[in-house]
Amino acid sequence: MKHLGNVEDENDTLTDSLEELERVNQQLRQQPQTTGASGQPSNIESTVANSETIDQLQEKVMNLESSLKISRNKEKELDELLEELMKELANVERENDTLKDRQQLQTTGNFAQPDYEAACDRTLNKLKVGKQSTAGKAIDVFVKELTRG
């Protein structure tokens, strides 16, 4: 699953970004806060740069989280599609087996003979005639020809 690999890569990137964010945050906490005559930190530029880095990392993390969520949804959709296709494949395989069985029966000549007698009786009933009628005798001759082959 190529898509699953993308999700794992994005997850690794997200983890790396979080670690970098924590490292920068830890560095900021460990820096001594020296103040000048005005009472402001003397390393304002460094603090601003670090703050911008933190903001960029947080934005990157949010983007990666969004991408990860989208990737997981796509993975779920692909899993559902795969399940549907597997069911369809199973149905096709069953149908294929049935057709193979039918073909084998046709080639070996082991077809079950149709019930000509029942068909003859139904036809005569529809015509409202009996077996001794001309139609009944004609049907009997026709059935004999069919069975003879």
N, C-alpha and C. Protein backbone atom coordinates (compact mmCIF):
# COMPACT_ATOMS: atom_id res chain seq x y z
N MET A 1 0.84 -1.18 0.00
CA MET A 1 0.00 0.00 0.00
C MET A 1 0.88 1.24 0.00
N LYS A 2 0.99 1.83 -1.14
CA LYS A 2 1.82 3.01 -1.30
C LYS A 2 1.31 4.14 -0.43
N HIS A 3 0.00 4.27 -0.33
CA HIS A 3 -0.60 5.36 0.42
C HIS A 3 -0.28 5.24 1.90
N LEU A 4 -0.25 4.03 2.42
CA LEU A 4 0.06 3.80 3.83
C LEU A 4 1.48 4.26 4.12
N GLY A 5 2.40 4.05 3.19
CA GLY A 5 3.77 4.52 3.36
C GLY A 5 3.83 6.04 3.47
N ASN A 6 3.00 6.74 2.69
CA ASN A 6 2.95 8.19 2.77
C ASN A 6 2.47 8.64 4.14
N VAL A 7 1.49 7.94 4.69
CA VAL A 7 0.96 8.29 6.01
C VAL A 7 2.06 8.11 7.05
N GLU A 8 2.81 7.01 6.95
CA GLU A 8 3.88 6.76 7.91
C GLU A 8 4.99 7.81 7.78
N ASP A 9 5.31 8.22 6.54
CA ASP A 9 6.33 9.26 6.33
C ASP A 9 5.88 10.58 6.95
N GLU A 10 4.62 10.92 6.74
CA GLU A 10 4.10 12.17 7.31
C GLU A 10 4.10 12.10 8.82
N ASN A 11 3.80 10.96 9.37
CA ASN A 11 3.81 10.79 10.82
C ASN A 11 5.24 10.97 11.36
N ASP A 12 6.23 10.42 10.65
CA ASP A 12 7.63 10.58 11.06
C ASP A 12 8.04 12.05 11.01
N THR A 13 7.64 12.74 9.94
CA THR A 13 7.96 14.16 9.80
C THR A 13 7.33 14.96 10.93
N LEU A 14 6.10 14.63 11.26
CA LEU A 14 5.39 15.31 12.34
C LEU A 14 6.11 15.08 13.66
N THR A 15 6.54 13.87 13.90
CA THR A 15 7.26 13.54 15.13
C THR A 15 8.58 14.31 15.19
N ASP A 16 9.31 14.38 14.07
CA ASP A 16 10.57 15.12 14.03
C ASP A 16 10.35 16.60 14.31
N SER A 17 9.29 17.16 13.74
CA SER A 17 9.00 18.58 13.94
C SER A 17 8.66 18.85 15.40
N LEU A 18 7.91 17.97 16.02
CA LEU A 18 7.57 18.14 17.43
C LEU A 18 8.83 18.08 18.30
N GLU A 19 9.73 17.16 17.98
CA GLU A 19 10.98 17.05 18.74
C GLU A 19 11.81 18.32 18.59
N GLU A 20 11.86 18.86 17.37
CA GLU A 20 12.62 20.09 17.14
C GLU A 20 12.00 21.25 17.90
N LEU A 21 10.68 21.31 17.92
CA LEU A 21 9.97 22.36 18.65
C LEU A 21 10.29 22.26 20.15
N GLU A 22 10.27 21.05 20.68
CA GLU A 22 10.57 20.87 22.09
C GLU A 22 12.02 21.25 22.41
N ARG A 23 12.95 20.93 21.49
CA ARG A 23 14.35 21.27 21.68
C ARG A 23 14.55 22.79 21.72
N VAL A 24 13.92 23.51 20.80
CA VAL A 24 14.04 24.97 20.77
C VAL A 24 13.41 25.57 22.02
N ASN A 25 12.30 25.05 22.41
CA ASN A 25 11.61 25.53 23.61
C ASN A 25 12.49 25.32 24.84
N GLN A 26 13.14 24.17 24.92
CA GLN A 26 14.03 23.86 26.05
C GLN A 26 15.21 24.82 26.06
N GLN A 27 15.76 25.13 24.88
CA GLN A 27 16.88 26.07 24.81
C GLN A 27 16.47 27.45 25.30
N LEU A 28 15.26 27.86 24.92
CA LEU A 28 14.78 29.17 25.36
C LEU A 28 14.63 29.23 26.88
N ARG A 29 14.20 28.15 27.45
CA ARG A 29 14.01 28.13 28.91
C ARG A 29 15.36 28.15 29.64
N GLN A 30 16.38 27.59 29.04
CA GLN A 30 17.68 27.50 29.69
C GLN A 30 18.51 28.77 29.52
N GLN A 31 18.16 29.65 28.58
CA GLN A 31 18.94 30.88 28.37
C GLN A 31 18.73 31.81 29.57
N PRO A 32 19.82 32.36 30.03
CA PRO A 32 19.67 33.32 31.16
C PRO A 32 19.04 34.60 30.64
N GLN A 33 18.17 35.14 31.45
CA GLN A 33 17.48 36.37 31.07
C GLN A 33 18.28 37.55 31.64
N THR A 34 19.17 38.07 30.85
CA THR A 34 19.95 39.23 31.28
C THR A 34 19.22 40.48 30.86
N THR A 35 19.20 41.42 31.69
CA THR A 35 18.51 42.66 31.37
C THR A 35 19.51 43.79 31.32
N GLY A 36 19.23 44.73 30.43
CA GLY A 36 20.08 45.90 30.32
C GLY A 36 19.57 47.01 31.23
N ALA A 37 20.00 48.20 30.99
CA ALA A 37 19.62 49.34 31.82
C ALA A 37 18.14 49.61 31.72
N SER A 38 17.53 49.30 30.58
CA SER A 38 16.11 49.58 30.41
C SER A 38 15.23 48.51 31.04
N GLY A 39 15.81 47.42 31.50
CA GLY A 39 15.05 46.33 32.09
C GLY A 39 14.57 45.32 31.05
N GLN A 40 14.90 45.52 29.77
CA GLN A 40 14.52 44.60 28.69
C GLN A 40 15.63 43.59 28.49
N PRO A 41 15.27 42.39 28.05
CA PRO A 41 16.32 41.39 27.78
C PRO A 41 17.28 41.90 26.72
N SER A 42 18.54 41.60 26.91
CA SER A 42 19.55 42.06 25.96
C SER A 42 19.55 41.19 24.70
N ASN A 43 18.93 40.04 24.75
CA ASN A 43 18.93 39.16 23.58
C ASN A 43 17.54 39.15 22.92
N ILE A 44 16.95 40.30 22.73
CA ILE A 44 15.61 40.42 22.14
C ILE A 44 15.59 39.83 20.74
N GLU A 45 16.60 40.15 19.95
CA GLU A 45 16.62 39.65 18.58
C GLU A 45 16.64 38.13 18.55
N SER A 46 17.41 37.55 19.45
CA SER A 46 17.47 36.09 19.52
C SER A 46 16.12 35.52 19.93
N THR A 47 15.49 36.16 20.90
CA THR A 47 14.18 35.70 21.37
C THR A 47 13.14 35.81 20.27
N VAL A 48 13.16 36.91 19.52
CA VAL A 48 12.21 37.09 18.42
C VAL A 48 12.45 36.04 17.35
N ALA A 49 13.71 35.79 17.02
CA ALA A 49 14.03 34.78 16.01
C ALA A 49 13.56 33.40 16.47
N ASN A 50 13.80 33.10 17.74
CA ASN A 50 13.35 31.81 18.28
C ASN A 50 11.83 31.73 18.28
N SER A 51 11.18 32.83 18.59
CA SER A 51 9.72 32.86 18.59
C SER A 51 9.17 32.61 17.20
N GLU A 52 9.82 33.24 16.20
CA GLU A 52 9.40 33.02 14.81
C GLU A 52 9.64 31.56 14.40
N THR A 53 10.74 30.98 14.84
CA THR A 53 11.02 29.58 14.54
C THR A 53 9.95 28.70 15.17
N ILE A 54 9.60 29.01 16.39
CA ILE A 54 8.56 28.23 17.08
C ILE A 54 7.25 28.35 16.33
N ASP A 55 6.90 29.57 15.92
CA ASP A 55 5.65 29.77 15.18
C ASP A 55 5.66 28.98 13.87
N GLN A 56 6.79 29.00 13.16
CA GLN A 56 6.90 28.25 11.91
C GLN A 56 6.77 26.75 12.16
N LEU A 57 7.41 26.27 13.19
CA LEU A 57 7.32 24.85 13.51
C LEU A 57 5.90 24.46 13.91
N GLN A 58 5.24 25.31 14.68
CA GLN A 58 3.86 25.01 15.07
C GLN A 58 2.95 24.99 13.85
N GLU A 59 3.16 25.91 12.91
CA GLU A 59 2.37 25.91 11.69
C GLU A 59 2.64 24.66 10.87
N LYS A 60 3.91 24.26 10.80
CA LYS A 60 4.28 23.05 10.08
C LYS A 60 3.63 21.82 10.72
N VAL A 61 3.65 21.79 12.04
CA VAL A 61 3.02 20.68 12.77
C VAL A 61 1.53 20.63 12.47
N MET A 62 0.88 21.78 12.48
CA MET A 62 -0.57 21.82 12.19
C MET A 62 -0.84 21.34 10.77
N ASN A 63 -0.02 21.75 9.81
CA ASN A 63 -0.18 21.30 8.43
C ASN A 63 0.02 19.80 8.31
N LEU A 64 1.03 19.29 9.01
CA LEU A 64 1.29 17.85 8.98
C LEU A 64 0.17 17.06 9.64
N GLU A 65 -0.38 17.59 10.72
CA GLU A 65 -1.51 16.92 11.37
C GLU A 65 -2.71 16.86 10.43
N SER A 66 -2.94 17.96 9.71
CA SER A 66 -4.03 18.00 8.74
C SER A 66 -3.79 16.98 7.62
N SER A 67 -2.56 16.94 7.12
CA SER A 67 -2.22 15.97 6.07
C SER A 67 -2.37 14.54 6.56
N LEU A 68 -1.97 14.31 7.79
CA LEU A 68 -2.08 12.97 8.37
C LEU A 68 -3.55 12.56 8.48
N LYS A 69 -4.39 13.47 8.89
CA LYS A 69 -5.83 13.18 9.01
C LYS A 69 -6.42 12.85 7.64
N ILE A 70 -6.05 13.64 6.63
CA ILE A 70 -6.53 13.40 5.27
C ILE A 70 -6.03 12.04 4.78
N SER A 71 -4.76 11.74 5.04
CA SER A 71 -4.19 10.46 4.61
C SER A 71 -4.87 9.28 5.28
N ARG A 72 -5.19 9.42 6.54
CA ARG A 72 -5.89 8.33 7.25
C ARG A 72 -7.29 8.12 6.67
N ASN A 73 -7.97 9.21 6.32
CA ASN A 73 -9.29 9.08 5.70
C ASN A 73 -9.18 8.38 4.35
N LYS A 74 -8.16 8.75 3.56
CA LYS A 74 -7.95 8.10 2.27
C LYS A 74 -7.62 6.63 2.45
N GLU A 75 -6.82 6.33 3.46
CA GLU A 75 -6.48 4.93 3.74
C GLU A 75 -7.74 4.13 4.08
N LYS A 76 -8.62 4.73 4.86
CA LYS A 76 -9.87 4.06 5.22
C LYS A 76 -10.72 3.81 3.98
N GLU A 77 -10.81 4.81 3.10
CA GLU A 77 -11.57 4.66 1.86
C GLU A 77 -10.96 3.55 1.00
N LEU A 78 -9.64 3.51 0.91
CA LEU A 78 -8.97 2.49 0.11
C LEU A 78 -9.20 1.10 0.70
N ASP A 79 -9.20 1.00 2.02
CA ASP A 79 -9.46 -0.29 2.66
C ASP A 79 -10.88 -0.76 2.35
N GLU A 80 -11.85 0.16 2.39
CA GLU A 80 -13.24 -0.19 2.07
C GLU A 80 -13.36 -0.63 0.61
N LEU A 81 -12.69 0.09 -0.27
CA LEU A 81 -12.71 -0.26 -1.69
C LEU A 81 -12.08 -1.63 -1.91
N LEU A 82 -10.98 -1.89 -1.23
CA LEU A 82 -10.31 -3.19 -1.34
C LEU A 82 -11.25 -4.31 -0.87
N GLU A 83 -11.96 -4.07 0.21
CA GLU A 83 -12.89 -5.08 0.72
C GLU A 83 -14.00 -5.36 -0.29
N GLU A 84 -14.55 -4.30 -0.90
CA GLU A 84 -15.59 -4.47 -1.91
C GLU A 84 -15.06 -5.25 -3.12
N LEU A 85 -13.85 -4.91 -3.56
CA LEU A 85 -13.26 -5.59 -4.71
C LEU A 85 -12.98 -7.06 -4.40
N MET A 86 -12.59 -7.35 -3.17
CA MET A 86 -12.35 -8.74 -2.80
C MET A 86 -13.65 -9.54 -2.82
N LYS A 87 -14.75 -8.92 -2.36
CA LYS A 87 -16.05 -9.59 -2.42
C LYS A 87 -16.47 -9.83 -3.86
N GLU A 88 -16.26 -8.83 -4.69
CA GLU A 88 -16.61 -8.95 -6.11
C GLU A 88 -15.77 -10.04 -6.77
N LEU A 89 -14.50 -10.10 -6.43
CA LEU A 89 -13.63 -11.14 -6.97
C LEU A 89 -14.11 -12.52 -6.55
N ALA A 90 -14.52 -12.67 -5.30
CA ALA A 90 -15.03 -13.96 -4.83
C ALA A 90 -16.27 -14.36 -5.62
N ASN A 91 -17.16 -13.40 -5.88
CA ASN A 91 -18.36 -13.68 -6.67
C ASN A 91 -18.00 -14.11 -8.10
N VAL A 92 -17.04 -13.42 -8.69
CA VAL A 92 -16.62 -13.76 -10.06
C VAL A 92 -15.99 -15.15 -10.09
N GLU A 93 -15.20 -15.47 -9.07
CA GLU A 93 -14.59 -16.81 -9.02
C GLU A 93 -15.66 -17.89 -8.89
N ARG A 94 -16.69 -17.64 -8.06
CA ARG A 94 -17.78 -18.62 -7.93
C ARG A 94 -18.51 -18.79 -9.26
N GLU A 95 -18.79 -17.68 -9.92
CA GLU A 95 -19.46 -17.74 -11.22
C GLU A 95 -18.60 -18.48 -12.24
N ASN A 96 -17.30 -18.23 -12.20
CA ASN A 96 -16.38 -18.90 -13.10
C ASN A 96 -16.39 -20.42 -12.86
N ASP A 97 -16.38 -20.81 -11.60
CA ASP A 97 -16.44 -22.24 -11.27
C ASP A 97 -17.72 -22.87 -11.78
N THR A 98 -18.83 -22.16 -11.63
CA THR A 98 -20.11 -22.66 -12.12
C THR A 98 -20.08 -22.84 -13.63
N LEU A 99 -19.53 -21.86 -14.32
CA LEU A 99 -19.45 -21.95 -15.78
C LEU A 99 -18.52 -23.09 -16.22
N LYS A 100 -17.43 -23.29 -15.50
CA LYS A 100 -16.54 -24.41 -15.81
C LYS A 100 -17.27 -25.74 -15.64
N ASP A 101 -18.06 -25.84 -14.55
CA ASP A 101 -18.81 -27.08 -14.33
C ASP A 101 -19.80 -27.32 -15.46
N ARG A 102 -20.48 -26.25 -15.88
CA ARG A 102 -21.44 -26.39 -16.99
C ARG A 102 -20.74 -26.82 -18.27
N GLN A 103 -19.60 -26.20 -18.54
CA GLN A 103 -18.86 -26.53 -19.75
C GLN A 103 -18.40 -27.99 -19.71
N GLN A 104 -17.96 -28.44 -18.56
CA GLN A 104 -17.52 -29.82 -18.44
C GLN A 104 -18.69 -30.77 -18.66
N LEU A 105 -19.86 -30.41 -18.15
CA LEU A 105 -21.03 -31.25 -18.37
C LEU A 105 -21.38 -31.30 -19.86
N GLN A 106 -21.27 -30.18 -20.54
CA GLN A 106 -21.60 -30.14 -21.97
C GLN A 106 -20.62 -30.99 -22.77
N THR A 107 -19.34 -30.92 -22.44
CA THR A 107 -18.36 -31.65 -23.22
C THR A 107 -18.39 -33.15 -22.92
N THR A 108 -18.79 -33.52 -21.72
CA THR A 108 -18.84 -34.95 -21.38
C THR A 108 -20.18 -35.56 -21.71
N GLY A 109 -21.17 -34.74 -22.01
CA GLY A 109 -22.49 -35.25 -22.38
C GLY A 109 -23.31 -35.72 -21.19
N ASN A 110 -22.98 -35.29 -20.01
CA ASN A 110 -23.72 -35.70 -18.83
C ASN A 110 -24.85 -34.74 -18.50
N PHE A 111 -25.46 -34.19 -19.52
CA PHE A 111 -26.58 -33.29 -19.28
C PHE A 111 -27.78 -34.07 -18.80
N ALA A 112 -28.49 -33.50 -17.89
CA ALA A 112 -29.74 -34.13 -17.46
C ALA A 112 -30.76 -33.88 -18.57
N GLN A 113 -31.44 -34.92 -18.94
CA GLN A 113 -32.44 -34.80 -20.01
C GLN A 113 -33.64 -34.01 -19.50
N PRO A 114 -34.15 -33.09 -20.31
CA PRO A 114 -35.34 -32.36 -19.90
C PRO A 114 -36.52 -33.32 -19.82
N ASP A 115 -37.48 -32.94 -19.05
CA ASP A 115 -38.68 -33.77 -18.88
C ASP A 115 -39.63 -33.49 -20.05
N TYR A 116 -39.44 -34.25 -21.13
CA TYR A 116 -40.25 -34.05 -22.34
C TYR A 116 -41.71 -34.40 -22.09
N GLU A 117 -41.94 -35.39 -21.27
CA GLU A 117 -43.31 -35.83 -20.98
C GLU A 117 -44.10 -34.69 -20.34
N ALA A 118 -43.47 -34.01 -19.36
CA ALA A 118 -44.15 -32.91 -18.69
C ALA A 118 -44.40 -31.76 -19.66
N ALA A 119 -43.41 -31.48 -20.51
CA ALA A 119 -43.57 -30.41 -21.50
C ALA A 119 -44.68 -30.76 -22.48
N CYS A 120 -44.73 -32.01 -22.86
CA CYS A 120 -45.78 -32.47 -23.78
C CYS A 120 -47.16 -32.30 -23.14
N ASP A 121 -47.29 -32.72 -21.89
CA ASP A 121 -48.58 -32.60 -21.19
C ASP A 121 -49.00 -31.14 -21.05
N ARG A 122 -48.07 -30.25 -20.71
CA ARG A 122 -48.41 -28.83 -20.58
C ARG A 122 -48.90 -28.26 -21.91
N THR A 123 -48.19 -28.62 -22.97
CA THR A 123 -48.56 -28.11 -24.30
C THR A 123 -49.94 -28.62 -24.71
N LEU A 124 -50.19 -29.87 -24.48
CA LEU A 124 -51.50 -30.43 -24.84
C LEU A 124 -52.62 -29.81 -24.01
N ASN A 125 -52.34 -29.53 -22.74
CA ASN A 125 -53.34 -28.89 -21.89
C ASN A 125 -53.65 -27.48 -22.39
N LYS A 126 -52.62 -26.75 -22.83
CA LYS A 126 -52.84 -25.41 -23.37
C LYS A 126 -53.68 -25.45 -24.65
N LEU A 127 -53.41 -26.48 -25.44
CA LEU A 127 -54.17 -26.63 -26.70
C LEU A 127 -55.55 -27.25 -26.46
N LYS A 128 -55.76 -27.77 -25.27
CA LYS A 128 -57.02 -28.43 -24.88
C LYS A 128 -57.33 -29.61 -25.79
N VAL A 129 -56.26 -30.44 -25.98
CA VAL A 129 -56.41 -31.67 -26.76
C VAL A 129 -55.73 -32.80 -25.99
N GLY A 130 -56.00 -34.00 -26.36
CA GLY A 130 -55.43 -35.15 -25.67
C GLY A 130 -54.25 -35.74 -26.43
N LYS A 131 -53.69 -36.82 -25.85
CA LYS A 131 -52.52 -37.47 -26.45
C LYS A 131 -52.88 -38.22 -27.73
N GLN A 132 -54.12 -38.61 -27.85
CA GLN A 132 -54.54 -39.38 -29.02
C GLN A 132 -54.90 -38.48 -30.19
N SER A 133 -54.90 -37.16 -29.94
CA SER A 133 -55.23 -36.23 -31.03
C SER A 133 -54.06 -36.14 -32.00
N THR A 134 -54.31 -35.49 -33.13
CA THR A 134 -53.26 -35.31 -34.14
C THR A 134 -52.09 -34.51 -33.55
N ALA A 135 -52.39 -33.47 -32.77
CA ALA A 135 -51.34 -32.65 -32.16
C ALA A 135 -50.54 -33.49 -31.17
N GLY A 136 -51.23 -34.31 -30.37
CA GLY A 136 -50.55 -35.15 -29.40
C GLY A 136 -49.61 -36.14 -30.07
N LYS A 137 -50.08 -36.73 -31.18
CA LYS A 137 -49.24 -37.68 -31.90
C LYS A 137 -48.04 -36.98 -32.54
N ALA A 138 -48.27 -35.77 -33.04
CA ALA A 138 -47.17 -35.00 -33.66
C ALA A 138 -46.11 -34.65 -32.61
N ILE A 139 -46.57 -34.28 -31.44
CA ILE A 139 -45.63 -33.94 -30.36
C ILE A 139 -44.83 -35.18 -29.95
N ASP A 140 -45.50 -36.33 -29.88
CA ASP A 140 -44.79 -37.57 -29.52
C ASP A 140 -43.69 -37.88 -30.54
N VAL A 141 -43.99 -37.72 -31.83
CA VAL A 141 -42.99 -37.97 -32.87
C VAL A 141 -41.82 -36.99 -32.71
N PHE A 142 -42.15 -35.72 -32.43
CA PHE A 142 -41.12 -34.70 -32.25
C PHE A 142 -40.21 -35.04 -31.06
N VAL A 143 -40.79 -35.46 -29.95
CA VAL A 143 -40.01 -35.82 -28.76
C VAL A 143 -39.12 -37.01 -29.05
N LYS A 144 -39.62 -37.99 -29.77
CA LYS A 144 -38.81 -39.15 -30.11
C LYS A 144 -37.60 -38.73 -30.95
N GLU A 145 -37.80 -37.79 -31.88
CA GLU A 145 -36.69 -37.30 -32.69
C GLU A 145 -35.64 -36.59 -31.83
N LEU A 146 -36.13 -35.82 -30.87
CA LEU A 146 -35.20 -35.11 -29.98
C LEU A 146 -34.36 -36.07 -29.16
N THR A 147 -34.99 -37.06 -28.62
CA THR A 147 -34.27 -38.00 -27.74
C THR A 147 -33.35 -38.92 -28.53
N ARG A 148 -33.69 -39.17 -29.76
CA ARG A 148 -32.86 -40.04 -30.58
C ARG A 148 -31.57 -39.32 -30.99
N GLY A 149 -31.67 -38.05 -31.17
CA GLY A 149 -30.48 -37.32 -31.32
C GLY A 149 -29.94 -36.85 -32.56
